[in-house]
Amino acid sequence: MPIIDVTLIDGRTPERKAALIRELTDAAERVLGVPRESIRVLLRELPAENWGVGGEPKAASRS
C-alpha cells in the first residue's frame, strides 16, 4: 500500500487539496501499477510561522 505524505503551509482551499489528492493518486496508480484503492495520501498542514525559509519564518516573508 503506497502512502504519499505531503507537508504544506496551510491556507489552501479544500478544492485545491482535493485536486492534489486526485493527481497524486493518479500518478501513483500509473507509475506504480497499483490499484487506486490501495493508495493513501496524507496532507499535513503547518502554519506559516512554523515554516522557515532562508532563516526566517515564512509568515514574515511575502513569497
Protein backbone atom coordinates (compact mmCIF):
# COMPACT_ATOMS: atom_id res chain seq x y z
CA MET A 1 0.00 0.00 0.00
CA PRO A 2 1.70 3.23 -1.14
CA ILE A 3 1.48 6.13 1.31
CA ILE A 4 2.18 9.60 -0.06
CA ASP A 5 2.90 12.09 2.73
CA VAL A 6 2.83 15.79 1.79
CA THR A 7 3.59 18.71 4.10
CA LEU A 8 2.19 22.11 3.09
CA ILE A 9 1.88 25.58 4.51
CA ASP A 10 -1.77 25.92 5.49
CA GLY A 11 -4.21 28.12 3.64
CA ARG A 12 -5.17 26.17 0.53
CA THR A 13 -8.82 25.64 -0.29
CA PRO A 14 -10.49 22.25 0.14
CA GLU A 15 -10.90 22.14 -3.65
CA ARG A 16 -7.18 22.55 -4.28
CA LYS A 17 -6.35 19.90 -1.68
CA ALA A 18 -8.85 17.50 -3.24
CA ALA A 19 -7.29 18.13 -6.67
CA LEU A 20 -3.82 17.45 -5.27
CA ILE A 21 -5.00 14.18 -3.72
CA ARG A 22 -6.56 13.11 -7.06
CA GLU A 23 -3.46 13.98 -9.08
CA LEU A 24 -1.07 12.25 -6.69
CA THR A 25 -3.31 9.18 -6.66
CA ASP A 26 -3.48 9.16 -10.48
CA ALA A 27 0.32 9.39 -10.72
CA ALA A 28 0.95 6.61 -8.19
CA GLU A 29 -1.57 4.36 -9.89
CA ARG A 30 0.01 4.96 -13.30
CA VAL A 31 3.66 4.75 -12.27
CA LEU A 32 3.49 2.03 -9.63
CA GLY A 33 0.75 -0.05 -11.25
CA VAL A 34 -1.20 -0.47 -8.02
CA PRO A 35 -4.97 -0.23 -7.55
CA ARG A 36 -6.04 3.27 -6.53
CA GLU A 37 -7.99 1.84 -3.60
CA SER A 38 -4.66 0.87 -2.03
CA ILE A 39 -3.14 4.37 -2.31
CA ARG A 40 -3.18 6.66 0.71
CA VAL A 41 -2.44 10.40 0.54
CA LEU A 42 -1.77 12.33 3.74
CA LEU A 43 -1.78 16.12 3.73
CA ARG A 44 -0.10 17.73 6.72
CA GLU A 45 -0.63 21.45 7.06
CA LEU A 46 1.65 23.70 9.09
CA PRO A 47 1.04 27.32 9.98
CA ALA A 48 3.38 29.72 8.16
CA GLU A 49 5.03 30.73 11.44
CA ASN A 50 6.20 27.11 11.84
CA TRP A 51 7.85 27.05 8.40
CA GLY A 52 11.30 28.57 7.88
CA VAL A 53 12.73 29.77 4.57
CA GLY A 54 16.20 31.27 4.36
CA GLY A 55 16.49 31.52 8.13
CA GLU A 56 13.22 33.41 8.57
CA PRO A 57 9.67 32.26 9.36
CA LYS A 58 7.60 32.04 6.19
CA ALA A 59 4.95 34.20 7.87
CA ALA A 60 7.46 37.09 7.91
CA SER A 61 8.05 36.95 4.15
CA ARG A 62 5.83 37.84 1.22
CA SER A 63 6.82 34.91 -1.03
